[in-house]
């Protein structure tokens, strides 16, 4: 069953976030993930929260998503964004394709 990591990023220093943005995609791919959404225009349809930058990653399973997040490679990459951006990340199982 596929799984998704939903990410909301807020930063006032987008230029300084580039090192992280250049490093993360290879780690996502290494753990069998792929980008479904990577920024782009967004709008709030309900609620009051400003969305910030939205990223959605897809993995074959929830275990793969967790392995990516807890990996030594991604732990090192996270240090590149310390103090630069606020990340909210949620992993969720998707529906089985019919």
Protein backbone atom coordinates (compact mmCIF):
# COMPACT_ATOMS: atom_id res chain seq x y z
CA UNK A 1 0.00 0.00 0.00
CA UNK A 2 1.53 3.36 -0.96
CA UNK A 3 2.35 5.92 1.69
CA UNK A 4 2.83 9.65 1.52
CA UNK A 5 4.81 12.16 3.51
CA UNK A 6 3.02 15.50 3.57
CA UNK A 7 5.35 18.40 4.29
CA UNK A 8 4.60 22.03 5.02
CA UNK A 9 7.60 24.35 5.03
CA UNK A 10 7.74 27.90 6.31
CA UNK A 11 10.88 29.95 5.88
CA UNK A 12 11.85 33.56 5.66
CA UNK A 13 15.25 32.57 4.22
CA UNK A 14 14.54 30.57 1.02
CA UNK A 15 18.02 31.17 -0.42
CA UNK A 16 19.66 29.54 2.59
CA UNK A 17 17.40 26.50 2.23
CA UNK A 18 18.88 25.64 -1.18
CA UNK A 19 21.62 23.35 0.19
CA UNK A 20 18.94 21.20 1.82
CA UNK A 21 16.78 21.29 -1.34
CA UNK A 22 19.71 20.09 -3.45
CA UNK A 23 20.56 17.25 -1.05
CA UNK A 24 17.14 15.81 -0.16
CA UNK A 25 15.97 14.52 -3.59
CA UNK A 26 18.77 11.94 -3.90
CA UNK A 27 17.96 10.63 -0.42
CA UNK A 28 14.25 10.42 -1.25
CA UNK A 29 15.11 8.38 -4.37
CA UNK A 30 17.56 6.18 -2.44
CA UNK A 31 14.68 5.13 -0.17
CA UNK A 32 12.31 4.38 -3.11
CA UNK A 33 10.45 7.66 -2.85
CA UNK A 34 9.42 10.22 -5.42
CA UNK A 35 8.16 13.78 -5.38
CA UNK A 36 4.46 14.20 -6.17
CA UNK A 37 4.27 17.90 -5.23
CA UNK A 38 7.24 20.21 -4.82
CA UNK A 39 6.15 23.76 -4.13
CA UNK A 40 4.07 25.46 -6.78
CA UNK A 41 1.09 27.70 -6.32
CA UNK A 42 -1.33 26.86 -3.52
CA UNK A 43 -4.36 28.40 -1.89
CA UNK A 44 -6.24 27.95 1.34
CA UNK A 45 -9.70 26.56 0.58
CA UNK A 46 -10.79 26.13 4.17
CA UNK A 47 -9.35 27.29 7.47
CA UNK A 48 -7.07 30.18 8.26
CA UNK A 49 -3.58 28.71 8.09
CA UNK A 50 -1.15 30.03 5.50
CA UNK A 51 0.08 26.95 3.67
CA UNK A 52 3.73 27.92 3.15
CA UNK A 53 5.53 25.64 0.71
CA UNK A 54 3.85 22.25 0.27
CA UNK A 55 5.74 19.08 -0.63
CA UNK A 56 4.30 15.58 -1.03
CA UNK A 57 6.49 12.49 -1.27
CA UNK A 58 5.26 9.04 -2.28
CA UNK A 59 6.81 5.77 -1.05
CA UNK A 60 5.85 2.15 -1.74
CA UNK A 61 4.95 1.56 1.93
CA UNK A 62 4.70 3.37 5.25
CA UNK A 63 7.77 1.40 6.38
CA UNK A 64 9.72 2.84 3.41
CA UNK A 65 8.60 6.37 4.31
CA UNK A 66 9.72 5.87 7.90
CA UNK A 67 13.03 4.33 6.80
CA UNK A 68 13.69 7.44 4.69
CA UNK A 69 12.85 9.83 7.53
CA UNK A 70 14.91 7.97 10.14
CA UNK A 71 17.87 7.24 7.83
CA UNK A 72 21.35 8.51 8.68
CA UNK A 73 21.44 10.27 5.30
CA UNK A 74 18.27 12.25 5.95
CA UNK A 75 19.27 12.97 9.55
CA UNK A 76 22.39 14.66 8.16
CA UNK A 77 20.35 16.57 5.55
CA UNK A 78 17.97 17.88 8.22
CA UNK A 79 20.89 19.67 9.83
CA UNK A 80 21.17 21.79 6.67
CA UNK A 81 17.80 23.37 7.49
CA UNK A 82 18.27 23.91 11.24
CA UNK A 83 17.33 27.46 12.16
CA UNK A 84 16.36 28.27 8.56
CA UNK A 85 12.90 26.77 8.17
CA UNK A 86 10.05 25.24 10.14
CA UNK A 87 8.96 21.85 8.79
CA UNK A 88 5.80 19.91 9.56
CA UNK A 89 5.92 16.34 8.25
CA UNK A 90 3.18 13.72 8.45
CA UNK A 91 3.35 10.19 7.04
CA UNK A 92 0.07 8.57 5.99
CA UNK A 93 -0.91 5.37 4.21
CA UNK A 94 -2.68 5.81 0.90
CA UNK A 95 -5.37 3.70 -0.69
CA UNK A 96 -4.56 0.42 -2.38
CA UNK A 97 -4.80 0.93 -6.16
CA UNK A 98 -7.87 -0.71 -7.66
